[in-house]
Amino acid sequence: MSFQNPSQTKIFQYLNEAKVIAVVGLSDNPLKTSFQIADLLKAQGYKVYGVNPKLAGQTVNDIPVFADLTAVPETIDIVDIFRRSEFLPEVAKDFLQTDAKVFWAQLGLSSEEAAKMLQEQGRNDIVMDRCVKIELNKRP
């Protein structure tokens, strides 16, 4: 059985209820999508953390950056992932070490292996191949 995204209503619910978002693969380059989306999330009022081992301990555009998800100092509502699809199972393993609520892989990214890994642990709040910015703009 292949992975299916939740309903549009459920996706809106995730975005409406979220307060804390971790951006995995946050870049310090303002031209990169992960930087731009993190900036947009911050402007929308979310508390944003970056996850990037190369930038850990730094602040990017007023966003504190950590080496991995387990280092983020509070409960994460959405883990917004900007890593290539082949890295999603690795991110899923980190996700399972936290009490984060929603595993969200950005547009163009998906992994059946990551979805299966999460679902086997009862973590069914998964969105893949969807852009947070597009979904925010579609909200009623």
N, C-alpha and C. Protein backbone atom coordinates (compact mmCIF):
# COMPACT_ATOMS: atom_id res chain seq x y z
N MET A 1 0.84 -1.19 0.00
CA MET A 1 0.00 0.00 0.00
C MET A 1 0.88 1.24 0.00
N SER A 2 0.58 2.15 -0.91
CA SER A 2 1.42 3.34 -0.98
C SER A 2 0.88 4.45 -0.08
N PHE A 3 1.77 5.32 0.32
CA PHE A 3 1.43 6.41 1.22
C PHE A 3 0.41 7.35 0.59
N GLN A 4 -0.54 7.80 1.40
CA GLN A 4 -1.53 8.79 0.98
C GLN A 4 -1.47 9.96 1.95
N ASN A 5 -1.45 11.17 1.42
CA ASN A 5 -1.50 12.35 2.29
C ASN A 5 -2.87 12.43 2.97
N PRO A 6 -2.91 13.09 4.13
CA PRO A 6 -4.20 13.30 4.78
C PRO A 6 -5.07 14.24 3.95
N SER A 7 -6.33 14.38 4.35
CA SER A 7 -7.25 15.26 3.64
C SER A 7 -6.77 16.71 3.72
N GLN A 8 -7.27 17.52 2.80
CA GLN A 8 -6.94 18.95 2.81
C GLN A 8 -7.36 19.57 4.13
N THR A 9 -8.50 19.16 4.65
CA THR A 9 -9.00 19.67 5.94
C THR A 9 -8.00 19.37 7.05
N LYS A 10 -7.47 18.15 7.06
CA LYS A 10 -6.50 17.75 8.10
C LYS A 10 -5.21 18.57 7.96
N ILE A 11 -4.76 18.80 6.73
CA ILE A 11 -3.55 19.60 6.49
C ILE A 11 -3.75 21.01 7.03
N PHE A 12 -4.92 21.60 6.76
CA PHE A 12 -5.22 22.94 7.31
C PHE A 12 -5.22 22.89 8.83
N GLN A 13 -5.76 21.82 9.39
CA GLN A 13 -5.80 21.68 10.86
C GLN A 13 -4.38 21.67 11.43
N TYR A 14 -3.47 20.92 10.80
CA TYR A 14 -2.07 20.90 11.25
C TYR A 14 -1.51 22.31 11.29
N LEU A 15 -1.72 23.06 10.20
CA LEU A 15 -1.16 24.41 10.10
C LEU A 15 -1.82 25.37 11.09
N ASN A 16 -3.11 25.23 11.30
CA ASN A 16 -3.84 26.12 12.21
C ASN A 16 -3.50 25.86 13.67
N GLU A 17 -3.24 24.60 14.02
CA GLU A 17 -2.98 24.26 15.42
C GLU A 17 -1.50 24.42 15.79
N ALA A 18 -0.63 24.40 14.80
CA ALA A 18 0.82 24.45 15.06
C ALA A 18 1.24 25.80 15.64
N LYS A 19 2.20 25.74 16.53
CA LYS A 19 2.82 26.95 17.08
C LYS A 19 4.33 26.91 16.86
N VAL A 20 4.92 25.69 16.89
CA VAL A 20 6.37 25.52 16.78
C VAL A 20 6.67 24.65 15.56
N ILE A 21 7.54 25.16 14.69
CA ILE A 21 7.93 24.43 13.48
C ILE A 21 9.45 24.34 13.43
N ALA A 22 9.96 23.14 13.20
CA ALA A 22 11.39 22.93 12.99
C ALA A 22 11.62 22.73 11.50
N VAL A 23 12.55 23.51 10.94
CA VAL A 23 12.88 23.41 9.52
C VAL A 23 14.18 22.61 9.40
N VAL A 24 14.04 21.36 8.94
CA VAL A 24 15.19 20.48 8.79
C VAL A 24 15.83 20.76 7.44
N GLY A 25 17.12 21.09 7.48
CA GLY A 25 17.83 21.46 6.26
C GLY A 25 17.83 22.95 6.03
N LEU A 26 17.59 23.72 7.10
CA LEU A 26 17.61 25.18 6.99
C LEU A 26 18.96 25.63 6.45
N SER A 27 18.91 26.51 5.46
CA SER A 27 20.12 27.07 4.87
C SER A 27 20.32 28.50 5.37
N ASP A 28 21.57 28.94 5.40
CA ASP A 28 21.86 30.33 5.74
C ASP A 28 21.95 31.20 4.47
N ASN A 29 21.63 30.60 3.32
CA ASN A 29 21.63 31.32 2.05
C ASN A 29 20.22 31.85 1.78
N PRO A 30 20.04 33.18 1.76
CA PRO A 30 18.71 33.77 1.55
C PRO A 30 18.06 33.39 0.22
N LEU A 31 18.85 32.87 -0.73
CA LEU A 31 18.29 32.47 -2.02
C LEU A 31 17.71 31.06 -1.99
N LYS A 32 17.97 30.31 -0.93
CA LYS A 32 17.49 28.93 -0.82
C LYS A 32 16.05 28.90 -0.30
N THR A 33 15.29 27.96 -0.80
CA THR A 33 13.88 27.83 -0.42
C THR A 33 13.71 27.62 1.09
N SER A 34 14.57 26.82 1.71
CA SER A 34 14.41 26.56 3.14
C SER A 34 14.55 27.85 3.96
N PHE A 35 15.45 28.74 3.56
CA PHE A 35 15.61 30.03 4.23
C PHE A 35 14.33 30.86 4.05
N GLN A 36 13.84 30.90 2.82
CA GLN A 36 12.67 31.72 2.50
C GLN A 36 11.42 31.22 3.21
N ILE A 37 11.23 29.90 3.25
CA ILE A 37 10.05 29.34 3.91
C ILE A 37 10.14 29.56 5.42
N ALA A 38 11.32 29.38 6.00
CA ALA A 38 11.50 29.63 7.44
C ALA A 38 11.17 31.08 7.76
N ASP A 39 11.60 32.00 6.91
CA ASP A 39 11.31 33.42 7.09
C ASP A 39 9.81 33.67 7.02
N LEU A 40 9.14 33.05 6.06
CA LEU A 40 7.70 33.18 5.91
C LEU A 40 6.97 32.63 7.15
N LEU A 41 7.41 31.47 7.63
CA LEU A 41 6.78 30.87 8.81
C LEU A 41 6.91 31.79 10.02
N LYS A 42 8.10 32.37 10.16
CA LYS A 42 8.34 33.32 11.25
C LYS A 42 7.40 34.52 11.12
N ALA A 43 7.26 35.04 9.90
CA ALA A 43 6.38 36.19 9.65
C ALA A 43 4.91 35.85 9.91
N GLN A 44 4.56 34.58 9.76
CA GLN A 44 3.18 34.13 10.00
C GLN A 44 2.91 33.91 11.49
N GLY A 45 3.94 34.10 12.33
CA GLY A 45 3.75 34.00 13.77
C GLY A 45 4.13 32.67 14.39
N TYR A 46 4.68 31.76 13.60
CA TYR A 46 5.15 30.49 14.16
C TYR A 46 6.49 30.72 14.86
N LYS A 47 6.76 29.93 15.89
CA LYS A 47 8.09 29.90 16.48
C LYS A 47 8.88 28.89 15.65
N VAL A 48 10.00 29.32 15.08
CA VAL A 48 10.74 28.50 14.14
C VAL A 48 12.13 28.16 14.68
N TYR A 49 12.49 26.90 14.52
CA TYR A 49 13.84 26.43 14.84
C TYR A 49 14.43 25.84 13.56
N GLY A 50 15.73 25.99 13.40
CA GLY A 50 16.42 25.35 12.29
C GLY A 50 17.11 24.10 12.76
N VAL A 51 17.23 23.13 11.86
CA VAL A 51 17.98 21.90 12.14
C VAL A 51 18.95 21.70 10.99
N ASN A 52 20.24 21.85 11.30
CA ASN A 52 21.29 21.67 10.31
C ASN A 52 22.61 21.51 11.07
N PRO A 53 23.18 20.29 11.06
CA PRO A 53 24.41 20.07 11.84
C PRO A 53 25.56 21.01 11.48
N LYS A 54 25.60 21.47 10.22
CA LYS A 54 26.69 22.36 9.80
C LYS A 54 26.53 23.77 10.39
N LEU A 55 25.31 24.14 10.76
CA LEU A 55 25.05 25.49 11.29
C LEU A 55 24.67 25.47 12.77
N ALA A 56 24.74 24.29 13.39
CA ALA A 56 24.33 24.15 14.79
C ALA A 56 25.04 25.16 15.68
N GLY A 57 24.28 25.76 16.59
CA GLY A 57 24.84 26.75 17.51
C GLY A 57 24.78 28.16 16.96
N GLN A 58 24.46 28.30 15.68
CA GLN A 58 24.35 29.62 15.07
C GLN A 58 22.89 30.07 15.06
N THR A 59 22.72 31.31 14.69
CA THR A 59 21.38 31.86 14.48
C THR A 59 21.33 32.32 13.03
N VAL A 60 20.30 31.87 12.31
CA VAL A 60 20.12 32.24 10.91
C VAL A 60 18.84 33.07 10.81
N ASN A 61 18.98 34.34 10.48
CA ASN A 61 17.82 35.22 10.33
C ASN A 61 16.95 35.20 11.60
N ASP A 62 17.61 35.30 12.75
CA ASP A 62 16.96 35.27 14.07
C ASP A 62 16.34 33.93 14.42
N ILE A 63 16.74 32.86 13.72
CA ILE A 63 16.24 31.51 14.00
C ILE A 63 17.38 30.68 14.58
N PRO A 64 17.23 30.18 15.82
CA PRO A 64 18.28 29.34 16.40
C PRO A 64 18.36 28.00 15.66
N VAL A 65 19.59 27.53 15.44
CA VAL A 65 19.80 26.30 14.68
C VAL A 65 20.43 25.24 15.58
N PHE A 66 19.91 24.02 15.47
CA PHE A 66 20.37 22.88 16.26
C PHE A 66 20.89 21.78 15.35
N ALA A 67 21.68 20.88 15.92
CA ALA A 67 22.30 19.80 15.14
C ALA A 67 21.28 18.76 14.69
N ASP A 68 20.27 18.49 15.54
CA ASP A 68 19.26 17.51 15.18
C ASP A 68 17.96 17.82 15.91
N LEU A 69 16.93 17.08 15.58
CA LEU A 69 15.60 17.34 16.16
C LEU A 69 15.57 17.17 17.67
N THR A 70 16.36 16.22 18.18
CA THR A 70 16.33 15.96 19.62
C THR A 70 16.90 17.13 20.43
N ALA A 71 17.65 18.01 19.78
CA ALA A 71 18.25 19.15 20.49
C ALA A 71 17.30 20.35 20.58
N VAL A 72 16.22 20.34 19.81
CA VAL A 72 15.26 21.45 19.85
C VAL A 72 14.62 21.46 21.25
N PRO A 73 14.62 22.63 21.93
CA PRO A 73 14.28 22.68 23.35
C PRO A 73 12.80 22.64 23.71
N GLU A 74 11.92 22.45 22.76
CA GLU A 74 10.50 22.34 23.11
C GLU A 74 9.79 21.42 22.13
N THR A 75 8.54 21.09 22.44
CA THR A 75 7.77 20.20 21.58
C THR A 75 7.54 20.85 20.22
N ILE A 76 7.82 20.08 19.19
CA ILE A 76 7.68 20.56 17.81
C ILE A 76 6.32 20.12 17.28
N ASP A 77 5.58 21.06 16.72
CA ASP A 77 4.29 20.73 16.14
C ASP A 77 4.44 20.18 14.72
N ILE A 78 5.26 20.84 13.92
CA ILE A 78 5.51 20.38 12.54
C ILE A 78 7.01 20.35 12.29
N VAL A 79 7.48 19.23 11.76
CA VAL A 79 8.86 19.12 11.30
C VAL A 79 8.80 19.27 9.79
N ASP A 80 9.25 20.41 9.29
CA ASP A 80 9.20 20.76 7.86
C ASP A 80 10.56 20.43 7.25
N ILE A 81 10.58 19.45 6.33
CA ILE A 81 11.84 18.87 5.89
C ILE A 81 12.24 19.32 4.49
N PHE A 82 13.46 19.84 4.42
CA PHE A 82 14.08 20.26 3.16
C PHE A 82 15.35 19.44 2.95
N ARG A 83 15.21 18.13 2.92
CA ARG A 83 16.33 17.23 2.61
C ARG A 83 15.86 16.31 1.50
N ARG A 84 16.76 15.88 0.65
CA ARG A 84 16.38 15.01 -0.47
C ARG A 84 15.66 13.76 0.03
N SER A 85 14.81 13.21 -0.82
CA SER A 85 13.97 12.06 -0.45
C SER A 85 14.77 10.91 0.15
N GLU A 86 15.98 10.67 -0.36
CA GLU A 86 16.75 9.53 0.17
C GLU A 86 17.16 9.73 1.63
N PHE A 87 17.07 10.95 2.15
CA PHE A 87 17.41 11.22 3.54
C PHE A 87 16.19 11.19 4.47
N LEU A 88 15.00 11.04 3.91
CA LEU A 88 13.80 11.07 4.75
C LEU A 88 13.75 9.94 5.79
N PRO A 89 14.19 8.70 5.48
CA PRO A 89 14.20 7.69 6.53
C PRO A 89 15.10 8.08 7.72
N GLU A 90 16.22 8.71 7.42
CA GLU A 90 17.13 9.18 8.49
C GLU A 90 16.43 10.25 9.34
N VAL A 91 15.72 11.17 8.69
CA VAL A 91 14.98 12.20 9.42
C VAL A 91 13.85 11.55 10.22
N ALA A 92 13.21 10.54 9.65
CA ALA A 92 12.13 9.83 10.37
C ALA A 92 12.67 9.19 11.65
N LYS A 93 13.87 8.64 11.60
CA LYS A 93 14.48 8.05 12.81
C LYS A 93 14.66 9.12 13.89
N ASP A 94 15.16 10.30 13.50
CA ASP A 94 15.31 11.40 14.46
C ASP A 94 13.94 11.83 14.99
N PHE A 95 12.96 11.93 14.09
CA PHE A 95 11.60 12.33 14.45
C PHE A 95 11.05 11.41 15.53
N LEU A 96 11.29 10.11 15.38
CA LEU A 96 10.78 9.12 16.33
C LEU A 96 11.43 9.24 17.72
N GLN A 97 12.55 9.94 17.79
CA GLN A 97 13.22 10.16 19.08
C GLN A 97 12.66 11.38 19.82
N THR A 98 11.67 12.04 19.21
CA THR A 98 11.09 13.25 19.79
C THR A 98 9.60 13.05 20.00
N ASP A 99 8.96 14.06 20.57
CA ASP A 99 7.49 14.03 20.68
C ASP A 99 6.87 14.96 19.64
N ALA A 100 7.60 15.21 18.55
CA ALA A 100 7.08 16.04 17.46
C ALA A 100 5.79 15.42 16.92
N LYS A 101 4.92 16.29 16.42
CA LYS A 101 3.59 15.83 16.03
C LYS A 101 3.45 15.48 14.55
N VAL A 102 3.91 16.36 13.66
CA VAL A 102 3.67 16.17 12.22
C VAL A 102 5.00 16.11 11.46
N PHE A 103 5.14 15.07 10.66
CA PHE A 103 6.30 14.87 9.78
C PHE A 103 5.89 15.39 8.41
N TRP A 104 6.53 16.48 7.94
CA TRP A 104 6.12 17.14 6.70
C TRP A 104 7.32 17.25 5.76
N ALA A 105 7.26 16.54 4.64
CA ALA A 105 8.30 16.62 3.62
C ALA A 105 7.83 17.57 2.52
N GLN A 106 8.66 18.53 2.19
CA GLN A 106 8.31 19.58 1.24
C GLN A 106 8.01 19.04 -0.17
N LEU A 107 7.51 19.92 -1.00
CA LEU A 107 7.13 19.60 -2.37
C LEU A 107 8.27 18.88 -3.10
N GLY A 108 7.94 17.78 -3.75
CA GLY A 108 8.94 17.01 -4.48
C GLY A 108 9.63 15.94 -3.66
N LEU A 109 9.34 15.89 -2.36
CA LEU A 109 10.01 14.94 -1.47
C LEU A 109 9.03 13.91 -0.93
N SER A 110 9.41 12.64 -1.01
CA SER A 110 8.59 11.58 -0.42
C SER A 110 9.43 10.33 -0.23
N SER A 111 8.97 9.47 0.69
CA SER A 111 9.67 8.22 0.95
C SER A 111 8.69 7.22 1.57
N GLU A 112 8.42 6.16 0.84
CA GLU A 112 7.57 5.09 1.38
C GLU A 112 8.22 4.48 2.62
N GLU A 113 9.55 4.34 2.58
CA GLU A 113 10.28 3.76 3.71
C GLU A 113 10.08 4.59 4.98
N ALA A 114 10.21 5.91 4.85
CA ALA A 114 10.02 6.80 6.00
C ALA A 114 8.59 6.72 6.51
N ALA A 115 7.62 6.73 5.60
CA ALA A 115 6.21 6.66 6.00
C ALA A 115 5.93 5.36 6.75
N LYS A 116 6.43 4.26 6.23
CA LYS A 116 6.22 2.95 6.87
C LYS A 116 6.84 2.93 8.26
N MET A 117 8.05 3.45 8.36
CA MET A 117 8.76 3.49 9.64
C MET A 117 7.94 4.27 10.68
N LEU A 118 7.41 5.40 10.29
CA LEU A 118 6.62 6.23 11.19
C LEU A 118 5.30 5.55 11.55
N GLN A 119 4.62 5.02 10.55
CA GLN A 119 3.32 4.38 10.78
C GLN A 119 3.44 3.16 11.68
N GLU A 120 4.52 2.40 11.53
CA GLU A 120 4.73 1.23 12.38
C GLU A 120 4.87 1.62 13.85
N GLN A 121 5.25 2.88 14.11
CA GLN A 121 5.38 3.37 15.48
C GLN A 121 4.15 4.17 15.91
N GLY A 122 3.09 4.08 15.11
CA GLY A 122 1.85 4.78 15.45
C GLY A 122 1.88 6.27 15.19
N ARG A 123 2.87 6.72 14.43
CA ARG A 123 2.99 8.15 14.12
C ARG A 123 2.41 8.36 12.73
N ASN A 124 1.14 8.70 12.66
CA ASN A 124 0.42 8.74 11.39
C ASN A 124 0.19 10.14 10.85
N ASP A 125 0.67 11.16 11.54
CA ASP A 125 0.50 12.53 11.06
C ASP A 125 1.68 12.85 10.14
N ILE A 126 1.48 12.51 8.86
CA ILE A 126 2.54 12.59 7.86
C ILE A 126 2.01 13.32 6.63
N VAL A 127 2.79 14.28 6.14
CA VAL A 127 2.48 14.97 4.90
C VAL A 127 3.74 14.91 4.04
N MET A 128 3.59 14.52 2.79
CA MET A 128 4.74 14.49 1.89
C MET A 128 4.39 15.13 0.55
N ASP A 129 5.42 15.67 -0.08
CA ASP A 129 5.29 16.26 -1.41
C ASP A 129 4.28 17.40 -1.42
N ARG A 130 4.29 18.19 -0.34
CA ARG A 130 3.43 19.37 -0.24
C ARG A 130 4.26 20.53 0.29
N CYS A 131 3.99 21.72 -0.23
CA CYS A 131 4.70 22.92 0.20
C CYS A 131 3.90 23.65 1.27
N VAL A 132 4.53 23.92 2.39
CA VAL A 132 3.88 24.64 3.49
C VAL A 132 3.35 26.00 3.01
N LYS A 133 4.14 26.71 2.23
CA LYS A 133 3.73 28.04 1.77
C LYS A 133 2.45 27.95 0.92
N ILE A 134 2.42 27.01 0.00
CA ILE A 134 1.24 26.83 -0.86
C ILE A 134 0.02 26.48 0.00
N GLU A 135 0.22 25.58 0.96
CA GLU A 135 -0.90 25.17 1.82
C GLU A 135 -1.38 26.33 2.68
N LEU A 136 -0.46 27.13 3.20
CA LEU A 136 -0.85 28.30 3.99
C LEU A 136 -1.68 29.26 3.14
N ASN A 137 -1.30 29.45 1.90
CA ASN A 137 -2.01 30.35 1.00
C ASN A 137 -3.39 29.83 0.59
N LYS A 138 -3.60 28.51 0.69
CA LYS A 138 -4.88 27.90 0.31
C LYS A 138 -5.88 27.91 1.47
N ARG A 139 -5.41 28.19 2.68
CA ARG A 139 -6.31 28.12 3.84
C ARG A 139 -7.51 29.05 3.64
N PRO A 140 -8.69 28.56 4.06
CA PRO A 140 -9.88 29.43 3.94
C PRO A 140 -9.80 30.61 4.88
